[in-house]
Amino acid sequence: MGTALPGAINNGVSKEEIRAIIHVIAIYCGVPQALECFRAARKVLEDQ
């Protein structure tokens, strides 16, 4: 997630769309994995 996120943001994916994608990850992969994705996304978004 951490390596794909900057590319997604550079290609116009909004924060709301990223949030929706991570919610789908929670459904299919479980809440623990989604929480890890949220942490990675927060770090990438703070760095930008």
PDB file of N, CA and C in Angstrom:
ATOM      1  N   MET A   1       0.818  -1.197   0.000  1.00  0.00           N
ATOM      2  CA  MET A   1       0.000   0.000   0.000  1.00  0.00           C
ATOM      3  C   MET A   1       0.856   1.254   0.000  1.00  0.00           C
ATOM      4  N   GLY A   2       1.913   1.243   0.793  1.00  0.00           N
ATOM      5  CA  GLY A   2       2.744   2.426   0.907  1.00  0.00           C
ATOM      6  C   GLY A   2       3.403   2.831  -0.385  1.00  0.00           C
ATOM      7  N   THR A   3       3.731   1.868  -1.252  1.00  0.00           N
ATOM      8  CA  THR A   3       4.401   2.222  -2.500  1.00  0.00           C
ATOM      9  C   THR A   3       3.415   2.598  -3.595  1.00  0.00           C
ATOM     10  N   ALA A   4       2.204   2.077  -3.556  1.00  0.00           N
ATOM     11  CA  ALA A   4       1.211   2.386  -4.584  1.00  0.00           C
ATOM     12  C   ALA A   4       0.486   3.698  -4.321  1.00  0.00           C
ATOM     13  N   LEU A   5       0.394   4.090  -3.081  1.00  0.00           N
ATOM     14  CA  LEU A   5      -0.394   5.263  -2.732  1.00  0.00           C
ATOM     15  C   LEU A   5       0.109   6.562  -3.349  1.00  0.00           C
ATOM     16  N   PRO A   6       1.411   6.865  -3.311  1.00  0.00           N
ATOM     17  CA  PRO A   6       1.845   8.119  -3.962  1.00  0.00           C
ATOM     18  C   PRO A   6       1.503   8.157  -5.449  1.00  0.00           C
ATOM     19  N   GLY A   7       1.631   7.018  -6.116  1.00  0.00           N
ATOM     20  CA  GLY A   7       1.273   6.962  -7.534  1.00  0.00           C
ATOM     21  C   GLY A   7      -0.202   7.203  -7.752  1.00  0.00           C
ATOM     22  N   ALA A   8      -1.026   6.650  -6.874  1.00  0.00           N
ATOM     23  CA  ALA A   8      -2.469   6.849  -6.989  1.00  0.00           C
ATOM     24  C   ALA A   8      -2.823   8.320  -6.795  1.00  0.00           C
ATOM     25  N   ILE A   9      -2.203   8.938  -5.803  1.00  0.00           N
ATOM     26  CA  ILE A   9      -2.477  10.353  -5.542  1.00  0.00           C
ATOM     27  C   ILE A   9      -2.024  11.204  -6.716  1.00  0.00           C
ATOM     28  N   ASN A  10      -0.885  10.885  -7.291  1.00  0.00           N
ATOM     29  CA  ASN A  10      -0.381  11.640  -8.441  1.00  0.00           C
ATOM     30  C   ASN A  10      -1.264  11.464  -9.664  1.00  0.00           C
ATOM     31  N   ASN A  11      -2.038  10.386  -9.722  1.00  0.00           N
ATOM     32  CA  ASN A  11      -2.931  10.141 -10.845  1.00  0.00           C
ATOM     33  C   ASN A  11      -4.356  10.591 -10.577  1.00  0.00           C
ATOM     34  N   GLY A  12      -4.555  11.351  -9.491  1.00  0.00           N
ATOM     35  CA  GLY A  12      -5.856  11.973  -9.262  1.00  0.00           C
ATOM     36  C   GLY A  12      -6.812  11.244  -8.354  1.00  0.00           C
ATOM     37  N   VAL A  13      -6.360  10.216  -7.644  1.00  0.00           N
ATOM     38  CA  VAL A  13      -7.249   9.532  -6.703  1.00  0.00           C
ATOM     39  C   VAL A  13      -7.400  10.416  -5.465  1.00  0.00           C
ATOM     40  N   SER A  14      -8.631  10.682  -5.076  1.00  0.00           N
ATOM     41  CA  SER A  14      -8.880  11.574  -3.942  1.00  0.00           C
ATOM     42  C   SER A  14      -8.748  10.826  -2.615  1.00  0.00           C
ATOM     43  N   LYS A  15      -8.670  11.592  -1.534  1.00  0.00           N
ATOM     44  CA  LYS A  15      -8.601  10.990  -0.196  1.00  0.00           C
ATOM     45  C   LYS A  15      -9.865  10.191   0.093  1.00  0.00           C
ATOM     46  N   GLU A  16     -11.000  10.672  -0.365  1.00  0.00           N
ATOM     47  CA  GLU A  16     -12.260   9.966  -0.148  1.00  0.00           C
ATOM     48  C   GLU A  16     -12.273   8.628  -0.887  1.00  0.00           C
ATOM     49  N   GLU A  17     -11.717   8.613  -2.100  1.00  0.00           N
ATOM     50  CA  GLU A  17     -11.642   7.366  -2.858  1.00  0.00           C
ATOM     51  C   GLU A  17     -10.691   6.377  -2.187  1.00  0.00           C
ATOM     52  N   ILE A  18      -9.584   6.873  -1.655  1.00  0.00           N
ATOM     53  CA  ILE A  18      -8.648   6.006  -0.929  1.00  0.00           C
ATOM     54  C   ILE A  18      -9.345   5.411   0.283  1.00  0.00           C
ATOM     55  N   ARG A  19     -10.096   6.224   1.008  1.00  0.00           N
ATOM     56  CA  ARG A  19     -10.844   5.741   2.173  1.00  0.00           C
ATOM     57  C   ARG A  19     -11.827   4.646   1.755  1.00  0.00           C
ATOM     58  N   ALA A  20     -12.528   4.833   0.651  1.00  0.00           N
ATOM     59  CA  ALA A  20     -13.488   3.835   0.180  1.00  0.00           C
ATOM     60  C   ALA A  20     -12.793   2.533  -0.196  1.00  0.00           C
ATOM     61  N   ILE A  21     -11.631   2.638  -0.815  1.00  0.00           N
ATOM     62  CA  ILE A  21     -10.861   1.442  -1.192  1.00  0.00           C
ATOM     63  C   ILE A  21     -10.453   0.672   0.059  1.00  0.00           C
ATOM     64  N   ILE A  22     -10.011   1.389   1.085  1.00  0.00           N
ATOM     65  CA  ILE A  22      -9.591   0.720   2.312  1.00  0.00           C
ATOM     66  C   ILE A  22     -10.788   0.084   3.020  1.00  0.00           C
ATOM     67  N   HIS A  23     -11.966   0.668   2.908  1.00  0.00           N
ATOM     68  CA  HIS A  23     -13.156   0.038   3.479  1.00  0.00           C
ATOM     69  C   HIS A  23     -13.449  -1.285   2.776  1.00  0.00           C
ATOM     70  N   VAL A  24     -13.245  -1.342   1.484  1.00  0.00           N
ATOM     71  CA  VAL A  24     -13.423  -2.599   0.745  1.00  0.00           C
ATOM     72  C   VAL A  24     -12.377  -3.615   1.198  1.00  0.00           C
ATOM     73  N   ILE A  25     -11.156  -3.157   1.436  1.00  0.00           N
ATOM     74  CA  ILE A  25     -10.110  -4.046   1.956  1.00  0.00           C
ATOM     75  C   ILE A  25     -10.564  -4.643   3.283  1.00  0.00           C
ATOM     76  N   ALA A  26     -11.203  -3.849   4.128  1.00  0.00           N
ATOM     77  CA  ALA A  26     -11.692  -4.353   5.414  1.00  0.00           C
ATOM     78  C   ALA A  26     -12.703  -5.481   5.211  1.00  0.00           C
ATOM     79  N   ILE A  27     -13.551  -5.338   4.228  1.00  0.00           N
ATOM     80  CA  ILE A  27     -14.569  -6.356   3.972  1.00  0.00           C
ATOM     81  C   ILE A  27     -13.931  -7.652   3.487  1.00  0.00           C
ATOM     82  N   TYR A  28     -13.003  -7.550   2.554  1.00  0.00           N
ATOM     83  CA  TYR A  28     -12.440  -8.740   1.933  1.00  0.00           C
ATOM     84  C   TYR A  28     -11.225  -9.307   2.660  1.00  0.00           C
ATOM     85  N   CYS A  29     -10.449  -8.468   3.336  1.00  0.00           N
ATOM     86  CA  CYS A  29      -9.194  -8.915   3.949  1.00  0.00           C
ATOM     87  C   CYS A  29      -9.233  -8.879   5.471  1.00  0.00           C
ATOM     88  N   GLY A  30     -10.204  -8.213   6.034  1.00  0.00           N
ATOM     89  CA  GLY A  30     -10.323  -8.132   7.483  1.00  0.00           C
ATOM     90  C   GLY A  30      -9.938  -6.767   8.022  1.00  0.00           C
ATOM     91  N   VAL A  31     -10.472  -6.491   9.192  1.00  0.00           N
ATOM     92  CA  VAL A  31     -10.245  -5.192   9.832  1.00  0.00           C
ATOM     93  C   VAL A  31      -8.773  -4.968  10.191  1.00  0.00           C
ATOM     94  N   PRO A  32      -8.048  -5.968  10.708  1.00  0.00           N
ATOM     95  CA  PRO A  32      -6.639  -5.712  11.033  1.00  0.00           C
ATOM     96  C   PRO A  32      -5.822  -5.236   9.820  1.00  0.00           C
ATOM     97  N   GLN A  33      -6.054  -5.847   8.667  1.00  0.00           N
ATOM     98  CA  GLN A  33      -5.336  -5.423   7.472  1.00  0.00           C
ATOM     99  C   GLN A  33      -5.753  -4.022   7.052  1.00  0.00           C
ATOM    100  N   ALA A  34      -7.028  -3.707   7.162  1.00  0.00           N
ATOM    101  CA  ALA A  34      -7.505  -2.370   6.816  1.00  0.00           C
ATOM    102  C   ALA A  34      -6.904  -1.317   7.735  1.00  0.00           C
ATOM    103  N   LEU A  35      -6.788  -1.628   9.023  1.00  0.00           N
ATOM    104  CA  LEU A  35      -6.171  -0.682   9.945  1.00  0.00           C
ATOM    105  C   LEU A  35      -4.724  -0.407   9.558  1.00  0.00           C
ATOM    106  N   GLU A  36      -4.024  -1.438   9.147  1.00  0.00           N
ATOM    107  CA  GLU A  36      -2.644  -1.253   8.699  1.00  0.00           C
ATOM    108  C   GLU A  36      -2.595  -0.393   7.437  1.00  0.00           C
ATOM    109  N   CYS A  37      -3.562  -0.572   6.553  1.00  0.00           N
ATOM    110  CA  CYS A  37      -3.637   0.256   5.344  1.00  0.00           C
ATOM    111  C   CYS A  37      -3.918   1.714   5.697  1.00  0.00           C
ATOM    112  N   PHE A  38      -4.824   1.939   6.652  1.00  0.00           N
ATOM    113  CA  PHE A  38      -5.100   3.307   7.085  1.00  0.00           C
ATOM    114  C   PHE A  38      -3.847   3.962   7.673  1.00  0.00           C
ATOM    115  N   ARG A  39      -3.088   3.193   8.457  1.00  0.00           N
ATOM    116  CA  ARG A  39      -1.848   3.744   9.035  1.00  0.00           C
ATOM    117  C   ARG A  39      -0.862   4.129   7.936  1.00  0.00           C
ATOM    118  N   ALA A  40      -0.700   3.255   6.948  1.00  0.00           N
ATOM    119  CA  ALA A  40       0.220   3.531   5.851  1.00  0.00           C
ATOM    120  C   ALA A  40      -0.257   4.736   5.048  1.00  0.00           C
ATOM    121  N   ALA A  41      -1.558   4.803   4.789  1.00  0.00           N
ATOM    122  CA  ALA A  41      -2.102   5.920   4.016  1.00  0.00           C
ATOM    123  C   ALA A  41      -1.908   7.230   4.764  1.00  0.00           C
ATOM    124  N   ARG A  42      -2.160   7.219   6.073  1.00  0.00           N
ATOM    125  CA  ARG A  42      -1.987   8.437   6.872  1.00  0.00           C
ATOM    126  C   ARG A  42      -0.534   8.924   6.793  1.00  0.00           C
ATOM    127  N   LYS A  43       0.405   8.001   6.903  1.00  0.00           N
ATOM    128  CA  LYS A  43       1.820   8.389   6.860  1.00  0.00           C
ATOM    129  C   LYS A  43       2.171   8.986   5.504  1.00  0.00           C
ATOM    130  N   VAL A  44       1.735   8.369   4.430  1.00  0.00           N
ATOM    131  CA  VAL A  44       2.037   8.878   3.089  1.00  0.00           C
ATOM    132  C   VAL A  44       1.399  10.256   2.884  1.00  0.00           C
ATOM    133  N   LEU A  45       0.146  10.418   3.309  1.00  0.00           N
ATOM    134  CA  LEU A  45      -0.543  11.692   3.119  1.00  0.00           C
ATOM    135  C   LEU A  45       0.091  12.801   3.971  1.00  0.00           C
ATOM    136  N   GLU A  46       0.571  12.452   5.160  1.00  0.00           N
ATOM    137  CA  GLU A  46       1.248  13.458   5.994  1.00  0.00           C
ATOM    138  C   GLU A  46       2.589  13.872   5.390  1.00  0.00           C
ATOM    139  N   ASP A  47       3.269  12.938   4.728  1.00  0.00           N
ATOM    140  CA  ASP A  47       4.575  13.231   4.128  1.00  0.00           C
ATOM    141  C   ASP A  47       4.455  14.125   2.906  1.00  0.00           C
ATOM    142  N   GLN A  48       3.272  14.156   2.292  1.00  0.00           N
ATOM    143  CA  GLN A  48       3.120  14.956   1.070  1.00  0.00           C
ATOM    144  C   GLN A  48       2.730  16.356   1.364  1.00  0.00           C
TER     145      GLN A  48
END
